[in-house]
Amino acid sequence: VTDKDHTEQPAPAPTAVPTLCGMPLKYISLVTLAVQNAALSLLMHYSRVSMPPSRAYSAASAVLATELLKGLISLLIALIRVRPNPSQHTFVLPSPLSSRLASSPLNPAVFLERCRIVGKEVFRPDCWKLSIPAILYVIQNNLQFVAAANLEAATFQVSYQMKILTTAAFSVVLLRRKLSPLKWLALFFLALGVGLVQIQCIIAKSPSDEPSSADVHTMVPFKGFLAVAAACFTSGLAGVYFEMVLKNSTADLWVRNVQLSLFSLLPALVPIIMAPSHSPDSPAHSVPSLTHLFANFTPWAWATVITQVLGGLITALVIKYADNIMKGFATSLSIVISFLASVGLFHFHITASFIVGASVVLTATWLYSQPDS
């Protein structure tokens, strides 16, 4: 036996972990997602209840603005990610400077080539498949505004975790996915926890308990719960269908986001176009005409729109750099942040039923994110 046979092979180099300022990107993206989820529920709630109904901004306009901004940002990212062939755009004698100019995004020929490539990808023959989840997402976003206007931020955040239940159900039906007994147990506790939170919410606050006025926003918890349930249903179906499209396609994620936004524009415009005309002296309506598209939009309303747009971008980072377990922890963290902020900012009334229900939901979320083994 020679010494060569005993020579140990060098261990493979560890895979470089993407970092930002020395911190792993997966942790940065997850903490950002948790803060964004909590901030969105708080901003959406405050922007809807802080103004009287006669001066409330339109949820339909907010959804349209969100889709427009999300589509534009996704389009810019898709254009940046495209790598056209520089040799096709070199119109001067070869030199180091001309090579850099030929491949520069500032070169009009390069920009037009990027637009051509992205346009070809966006309008590919199978782009129509994104119309179904696009319509569902528009419905879901409108329902979220209804729920946020009728539920406390913490209650809305906890109740919205029912989307885990609907997503799992549609995964079993559409993707033929098998769930472990642990995940079924987690789903049972999730439904139980949300039920506890909603029961105490409806009992604790009824519309008849408070004087109603045209200048005072009155929350209707039962209406909010129905909106949350419908939003979770559409969210689960849209998410699973979108996953099916992504798995059966080689298109870039940002191209798919552009397609989603494009197909979302028409259903987002429908409630605005179909809105009845009102006289200038009549109270502001929930769905404006095109001439008053962003009427009554306050800085809080725009902050809600921007936060919702950022959520789509952060989710894309989480999909790329994190796993489902870490995402479950981010969801739990966002619930805790919403709860603490609701107590401090909105004087949210803490009850034993809410504490128990929220704790059950947190535990169920953690259980569901555990690996099957």
Protein backbone atom coordinates (compact mmCIF):
# COMPACT_ATOMS: atom_id res chain seq x y z
CA VAL A 1 0.00 0.00 0.00
CA THR A 2 1.51 3.29 -1.03
CA ASP A 3 1.35 6.58 0.79
CA LYS A 4 -0.79 7.85 -2.06
CA ASP A 5 -3.56 5.44 -1.03
CA HIS A 6 -3.58 6.90 2.46
CA THR A 7 -3.67 10.49 1.28
CA GLU A 8 -6.92 12.08 2.42
CA GLN A 9 -8.96 13.78 -0.22
CA PRO A 10 -9.57 17.46 0.47
CA ALA A 11 -13.05 18.23 1.73
CA PRO A 12 -15.25 20.04 -0.75
CA ALA A 13 -15.41 23.77 -0.23
CA PRO A 14 -18.56 24.89 1.57
CA THR A 15 -21.16 26.59 -0.56
CA ALA A 16 -21.01 30.34 -0.21
CA VAL A 17 -24.03 31.73 1.61
CA PRO A 18 -25.39 34.96 0.05
CA THR A 19 -24.89 37.81 2.51
CA LEU A 20 -25.61 41.50 2.81
CA CYS A 21 -23.34 43.54 5.08
CA GLY A 22 -22.08 40.26 6.54
CA MET A 23 -25.56 38.92 7.41
CA PRO A 24 -27.10 35.93 5.58
CA LEU A 25 -29.73 37.05 3.09
CA LYS A 26 -32.19 34.39 4.24
CA TYR A 27 -32.37 35.89 7.74
CA ILE A 28 -32.58 39.43 6.39
CA SER A 29 -35.40 38.48 4.01
CA LEU A 30 -37.34 36.63 6.72
CA VAL A 31 -37.09 39.42 9.31
CA THR A 32 -38.09 41.89 6.61
CA LEU A 33 -41.05 39.69 5.67
CA ALA A 34 -42.19 39.50 9.31
CA VAL A 35 -41.99 43.27 9.74
CA GLN A 36 -43.73 43.84 6.39
CA ASN A 37 -46.62 41.47 7.24
CA ALA A 38 -47.14 43.15 10.60
CA ALA A 39 -46.82 46.65 9.14
CA LEU A 40 -49.30 45.86 6.36
CA SER A 41 -52.01 44.66 8.75
CA LEU A 42 -51.48 47.70 11.00
CA LEU A 43 -51.41 50.23 8.15
CA MET A 44 -54.35 48.67 6.33
CA HIS A 45 -56.43 48.72 9.53
CA TYR A 46 -55.50 52.26 10.56
CA SER A 47 -55.91 53.74 7.07
CA ARG A 48 -59.46 52.34 6.89
CA VAL A 49 -60.72 53.14 10.40
CA SER A 50 -59.00 56.50 10.98
CA MET A 51 -61.27 58.30 8.49
CA PRO A 52 -65.07 58.55 8.56
CA PRO A 53 -66.91 56.54 5.88
CA SER A 54 -67.75 59.73 3.97
CA ARG A 55 -64.03 60.43 3.44
CA ALA A 56 -62.65 56.89 3.13
CA TYR A 57 -60.41 56.10 0.20
CA SER A 58 -61.34 53.41 -2.30
CA ALA A 59 -60.04 49.90 -1.70
CA ALA A 60 -60.50 49.17 -5.42
CA SER A 61 -58.19 52.08 -6.32
CA ALA A 62 -55.62 50.87 -3.79
CA VAL A 63 -55.65 47.40 -5.35
CA LEU A 64 -55.24 48.88 -8.83
CA ALA A 65 -52.33 51.08 -7.69
CA THR A 66 -50.69 48.07 -6.05
CA GLU A 67 -50.89 45.99 -9.23
CA LEU A 68 -49.56 48.85 -11.37
CA LEU A 69 -46.55 49.46 -9.12
CA LYS A 70 -45.87 45.75 -8.66
CA GLY A 71 -46.00 45.19 -12.41
CA LEU A 72 -43.66 48.10 -13.17
CA ILE A 73 -41.09 46.99 -10.59
CA SER A 74 -41.24 43.37 -11.78
CA LEU A 75 -40.81 44.57 -15.37
CA LEU A 76 -37.72 46.60 -14.45
CA ILE A 77 -36.19 43.64 -12.61
CA ALA A 78 -36.98 41.33 -15.54
CA LEU A 79 -35.29 43.78 -17.93
CA ILE A 80 -32.21 43.99 -15.71
CA ARG A 81 -31.94 40.19 -15.47
CA VAL A 82 -31.95 39.74 -19.26
CA ARG A 83 -28.51 39.13 -20.76
CA PRO A 84 -28.61 39.97 -24.50
CA ASN A 85 -25.69 39.08 -26.75
CA PRO A 86 -23.38 42.14 -26.87
CA SER A 87 -21.96 41.13 -30.25
CA GLN A 88 -25.29 41.93 -31.87
CA HIS A 89 -25.08 45.58 -30.82
CA THR A 90 -21.44 46.48 -31.55
CA PHE A 91 -21.47 49.14 -34.27
CA VAL A 92 -17.95 50.58 -33.77
CA LEU A 93 -14.46 49.23 -34.11
CA PRO A 94 -13.65 46.67 -31.40
CA SER A 95 -11.91 48.19 -28.40
CA PRO A 96 -12.21 47.86 -24.61
CA LEU A 97 -14.31 51.04 -24.47
CA SER A 98 -16.59 50.06 -27.33
CA SER A 99 -17.09 46.60 -25.81
CA ARG A 100 -18.24 48.16 -22.55
CA LEU A 101 -20.53 50.57 -24.38
CA ALA A 102 -21.97 47.75 -26.49
CA SER A 103 -22.99 45.77 -23.40
CA SER A 104 -24.06 48.80 -21.35
CA PRO A 105 -27.77 49.08 -20.47
CA LEU A 106 -27.51 52.73 -21.58
CA ASN A 107 -26.98 51.57 -25.15
CA PRO A 108 -30.38 52.07 -26.89
CA ALA A 109 -29.85 48.94 -28.99
CA VAL A 110 -29.21 46.87 -25.85
CA PHE A 111 -32.28 48.32 -24.15
CA LEU A 112 -34.49 47.59 -27.15
CA GLU A 113 -33.13 44.04 -27.33
CA ARG A 114 -33.90 43.56 -23.63
CA CYS A 115 -37.44 44.82 -24.21
CA ARG A 116 -37.86 42.46 -27.16
CA ILE A 117 -36.68 39.43 -25.16
CA VAL A 118 -38.82 40.26 -22.12
CA GLY A 119 -41.84 41.06 -24.30
CA LYS A 120 -41.49 37.71 -26.04
CA GLU A 121 -41.37 35.97 -22.64
CA VAL A 122 -44.31 37.91 -21.20
CA PHE A 123 -46.58 37.27 -24.19
CA ARG A 124 -45.59 33.64 -24.68
CA PRO A 125 -48.42 31.27 -25.74
CA ASP A 126 -49.04 29.96 -22.21
CA CYS A 127 -49.34 33.41 -20.59
CA TRP A 128 -53.14 33.02 -20.39
CA LYS A 129 -52.64 30.50 -17.57
CA LEU A 130 -51.86 33.41 -15.24
CA SER A 131 -55.30 34.96 -15.77
CA ILE A 132 -56.94 32.65 -13.22
CA PRO A 133 -54.62 33.39 -10.25
CA ALA A 134 -54.55 37.08 -11.27
CA ILE A 135 -58.33 37.38 -10.91
CA LEU A 136 -58.24 35.46 -7.63
CA TYR A 137 -55.49 37.70 -6.23
CA VAL A 138 -57.49 40.84 -7.09
CA ILE A 139 -60.53 39.43 -5.27
CA GLN A 140 -58.33 38.46 -2.32
CA ASN A 141 -56.76 41.92 -2.06
CA ASN A 142 -60.16 43.63 -2.08
CA LEU A 143 -61.42 41.24 0.61
CA GLN A 144 -58.37 42.03 2.75
CA PHE A 145 -59.40 45.69 2.88
CA VAL A 146 -62.92 44.71 3.94
CA ALA A 147 -61.52 42.48 6.69
CA ALA A 148 -59.00 45.07 7.91
CA ALA A 149 -61.76 47.67 8.18
CA ASN A 150 -63.89 45.42 10.41
CA LEU A 151 -61.32 43.61 12.57
CA GLU A 152 -58.57 44.69 14.92
CA ALA A 153 -55.13 44.38 13.34
CA ALA A 154 -54.05 41.54 15.65
CA THR A 155 -57.31 39.65 15.12
CA PHE A 156 -57.02 40.09 11.36
CA GLN A 157 -53.42 38.85 11.38
CA VAL A 158 -54.27 35.73 13.39
CA SER A 159 -57.41 34.95 11.38
CA TYR A 160 -55.61 35.34 8.08
CA GLN A 161 -53.45 32.33 8.96
CA MET A 162 -56.40 30.22 7.80
CA LYS A 163 -54.81 30.54 4.37
CA ILE A 164 -52.44 27.77 5.51
CA LEU A 165 -55.48 25.51 5.88
CA THR A 166 -56.95 26.39 2.47
CA THR A 167 -53.55 26.15 0.77
CA ALA A 168 -53.01 22.68 2.24
CA ALA A 169 -56.48 21.57 1.13
CA PHE A 170 -55.95 22.75 -2.45
CA SER A 171 -52.47 21.20 -2.48
CA VAL A 172 -53.99 17.82 -1.66
CA VAL A 173 -56.74 18.18 -4.28
CA LEU A 174 -54.85 19.83 -7.16
CA LEU A 175 -51.23 18.78 -6.62
CA ARG A 176 -52.02 15.32 -5.18
CA ARG A 177 -49.74 16.17 -2.28
CA LYS A 178 -49.75 13.86 0.74
CA LEU A 179 -49.70 15.43 4.19
CA SER A 180 -48.17 13.75 7.20
CA PRO A 181 -50.25 13.13 10.35
CA LEU A 182 -48.30 15.95 12.05
CA LYS A 183 -49.41 18.43 9.40
CA TRP A 184 -53.04 17.31 9.67
CA LEU A 185 -52.81 17.79 13.44
CA ALA A 186 -51.34 21.26 12.91
CA LEU A 187 -54.20 22.16 10.55
CA PHE A 188 -56.76 21.02 13.12
CA PHE A 189 -55.19 23.20 15.82
CA LEU A 190 -54.96 26.09 13.36
CA ALA A 191 -58.70 25.98 12.70
CA LEU A 192 -59.36 25.64 16.44
CA GLY A 193 -57.17 28.63 17.30
CA VAL A 194 -58.72 30.89 14.65
CA GLY A 195 -62.18 29.84 15.85
CA LEU A 196 -61.33 30.82 19.44
CA VAL A 197 -60.07 34.22 18.34
CA GLN A 198 -63.15 34.92 16.21
CA ILE A 199 -65.66 33.77 18.84
CA GLN A 200 -64.23 36.09 21.48
CA CYS A 201 -64.04 38.89 18.92
CA ILE A 202 -67.71 38.64 17.94
CA ILE A 203 -68.88 38.31 21.55
CA ALA A 204 -66.66 41.11 22.82
CA LYS A 205 -67.78 43.67 20.27
CA SER A 206 -71.10 43.91 18.51
CA PRO A 207 -72.24 46.70 16.18
CA SER A 208 -75.28 47.34 18.40
CA ASP A 209 -73.04 48.09 21.35
CA GLU A 210 -71.82 51.37 19.83
CA PRO A 211 -73.73 54.32 18.44
CA SER A 212 -73.56 54.42 14.68
CA SER A 213 -72.91 57.65 12.82
CA ALA A 214 -72.11 58.63 9.27
CA ASP A 215 -68.93 60.32 10.54
CA VAL A 216 -67.71 57.43 12.71
CA HIS A 217 -66.32 54.19 11.34
CA THR A 218 -68.04 51.21 12.93
CA MET A 219 -66.41 47.78 12.75
CA VAL A 220 -68.57 44.71 12.13
CA PRO A 221 -66.48 41.70 13.29
CA PHE A 222 -68.73 39.08 11.68
CA LYS A 223 -68.44 40.83 8.31
CA GLY A 224 -64.68 40.99 8.79
CA PHE A 225 -64.49 37.28 9.58
CA LEU A 226 -66.48 36.38 6.45
CA ALA A 227 -64.13 38.56 4.39
CA VAL A 228 -61.08 36.86 5.94
CA ALA A 229 -62.53 33.40 5.23
CA ALA A 230 -63.21 34.31 1.59
CA ALA A 231 -59.76 35.91 1.24
CA CYS A 232 -58.10 32.77 2.62
CA PHE A 233 -60.06 30.63 0.16
CA THR A 234 -59.00 32.71 -2.86
CA SER A 235 -55.42 32.99 -1.53
CA GLY A 236 -55.07 29.22 -1.16
CA LEU A 237 -56.50 28.47 -4.60
CA ALA A 238 -54.45 31.19 -6.32
CA GLY A 239 -51.23 30.18 -4.56
CA VAL A 240 -51.53 26.49 -5.45
CA TYR A 241 -52.51 27.25 -9.05
CA PHE A 242 -49.56 29.65 -9.37
CA GLU A 243 -47.27 26.92 -8.02
CA MET A 244 -48.61 24.52 -10.65
CA VAL A 245 -47.83 27.04 -13.39
CA LEU A 246 -44.31 27.70 -12.09
CA LYS A 247 -43.47 23.98 -11.80
CA ASN A 248 -44.56 23.29 -15.38
CA SER A 249 -42.72 26.24 -16.89
CA THR A 250 -39.18 27.50 -17.36
CA ALA A 251 -40.17 31.18 -17.38
CA ASP A 252 -38.46 33.55 -14.97
CA LEU A 253 -40.31 34.33 -11.73
CA TRP A 254 -40.25 38.07 -12.45
CA VAL A 255 -41.69 37.50 -15.91
CA ARG A 256 -44.53 35.58 -14.30
CA ASN A 257 -45.06 38.48 -11.88
CA VAL A 258 -45.37 40.84 -14.86
CA GLN A 259 -47.94 38.51 -16.40
CA LEU A 260 -49.87 38.40 -13.12
CA SER A 261 -49.98 42.19 -12.93
CA LEU A 262 -51.07 42.51 -16.58
CA PHE A 263 -53.95 40.08 -16.12
CA SER A 264 -54.86 41.80 -12.83
CA LEU A 265 -55.47 45.20 -14.42
CA LEU A 266 -58.80 44.39 -16.06
CA PRO A 267 -60.46 42.77 -13.00
CA ALA A 268 -59.05 45.58 -10.83
CA LEU A 269 -60.61 48.17 -13.17
CA VAL A 270 -64.03 46.50 -13.35
CA PRO A 271 -65.40 47.78 -10.00
CA ILE A 272 -64.10 51.28 -10.84
CA ILE A 273 -65.60 51.38 -14.33
CA MET A 274 -68.92 49.87 -13.19
CA ALA A 275 -69.29 52.33 -10.31
CA PRO A 276 -72.46 54.45 -10.55
CA SER A 277 -71.94 58.16 -11.06
CA HIS A 278 -72.50 60.40 -8.06
CA SER A 279 -73.13 64.09 -7.78
CA PRO A 280 -70.39 66.27 -6.28
CA ASP A 281 -72.54 66.92 -3.22
CA SER A 282 -73.05 63.26 -2.39
CA PRO A 283 -70.82 61.47 0.12
CA ALA A 284 -67.64 59.85 -1.12
CA HIS A 285 -68.31 56.35 -2.40
CA SER A 286 -66.31 53.23 -1.78
CA VAL A 287 -65.59 52.69 -5.48
CA PRO A 288 -64.69 55.90 -7.38
CA SER A 289 -65.07 56.75 -11.05
CA LEU A 290 -62.00 57.13 -13.24
CA THR A 291 -62.07 60.92 -12.73
CA HIS A 292 -61.76 60.50 -8.96
CA LEU A 293 -59.53 57.44 -8.96
CA PHE A 294 -57.38 58.40 -5.98
CA ALA A 295 -59.79 60.65 -4.13
CA ASN A 296 -59.30 60.78 -0.33
CA PHE A 297 -55.93 59.02 -0.57
CA THR A 298 -54.03 59.99 2.56
CA PRO A 299 -50.33 59.34 3.26
CA TRP A 300 -51.46 56.31 5.29
CA ALA A 301 -53.32 54.96 2.25
CA TRP A 302 -50.24 55.34 0.05
CA ALA A 303 -48.10 53.75 2.77
CA THR A 304 -50.47 50.77 2.69
CA VAL A 305 -50.11 50.47 -1.09
CA ILE A 306 -46.30 50.71 -0.98
CA THR A 307 -46.07 48.18 1.86
CA GLN A 308 -48.24 45.76 -0.10
CA VAL A 309 -46.02 46.18 -3.17
CA LEU A 310 -42.90 45.53 -1.10
CA GLY A 311 -44.52 42.35 0.21
CA GLY A 312 -44.52 40.81 -3.26
CA LEU A 313 -40.83 41.60 -3.75
CA ILE A 314 -39.85 40.30 -0.30
CA THR A 315 -41.81 37.08 -0.86
CA ALA A 316 -39.76 36.49 -4.01
CA LEU A 317 -36.56 36.80 -1.95
CA VAL A 318 -37.91 34.39 0.68
CA ILE A 319 -38.78 31.84 -2.01
CA LYS A 320 -35.22 32.09 -3.33
CA TYR A 321 -33.14 32.24 -0.13
CA ALA A 322 -35.21 30.65 2.68
CA ASP A 323 -37.20 27.51 3.32
CA ASN A 324 -40.71 26.78 4.56
CA ILE A 325 -39.61 26.30 8.18
CA MET A 326 -38.01 29.73 8.36
CA LYS A 327 -41.05 31.25 6.67
CA GLY A 328 -43.22 29.76 9.42
CA PHE A 329 -41.11 31.48 12.06
CA ALA A 330 -41.43 34.76 10.15
CA THR A 331 -45.21 34.40 10.16
CA SER A 332 -45.23 33.75 13.90
CA LEU A 333 -43.01 36.77 14.49
CA SER A 334 -45.33 38.99 12.45
CA ILE A 335 -48.32 37.89 14.58
CA VAL A 336 -46.45 38.80 17.77
CA ILE A 337 -45.45 42.20 16.33
CA SER A 338 -49.05 42.93 15.27
CA PHE A 339 -50.35 41.93 18.69
CA LEU A 340 -47.91 44.13 20.62
CA ALA A 341 -48.42 47.07 18.25
CA SER A 342 -52.22 46.76 18.46
CA VAL A 343 -52.06 46.91 22.25
CA GLY A 344 -49.80 49.96 22.21
CA LEU A 345 -51.28 51.89 19.27
CA PHE A 346 -54.96 50.94 19.14
CA HIS A 347 -55.54 50.02 22.83
CA PHE A 348 -56.49 46.51 21.79
CA HIS A 349 -58.41 44.77 24.58
CA ILE A 350 -56.60 41.58 25.60
CA THR A 351 -58.79 38.63 26.57
CA ALA A 352 -57.92 35.16 27.77
CA SER A 353 -59.70 33.71 24.73
CA PHE A 354 -57.54 35.73 22.34
CA ILE A 355 -54.32 34.75 24.14
CA VAL A 356 -55.26 31.06 24.02
CA GLY A 357 -56.41 31.22 20.39
CA ALA A 358 -53.35 33.15 19.21
CA SER A 359 -51.04 30.76 21.08
CA VAL A 360 -52.74 27.77 19.43
CA VAL A 361 -52.33 29.41 16.00
CA LEU A 362 -48.64 30.12 16.66
CA THR A 363 -48.08 26.52 17.75
CA ALA A 364 -49.96 25.17 14.73
CA THR A 365 -47.94 27.38 12.36
CA TRP A 366 -44.71 26.11 13.88
CA LEU A 367 -45.87 22.47 13.71
CA TYR A 368 -46.95 22.78 10.08
CA SER A 369 -43.55 24.17 9.07
CA GLN A 370 -41.66 21.21 10.55
CA PRO A 371 -40.19 18.60 8.16
CA ASP A 372 -42.19 15.39 7.77
CA SER A 373 -39.40 13.28 9.24
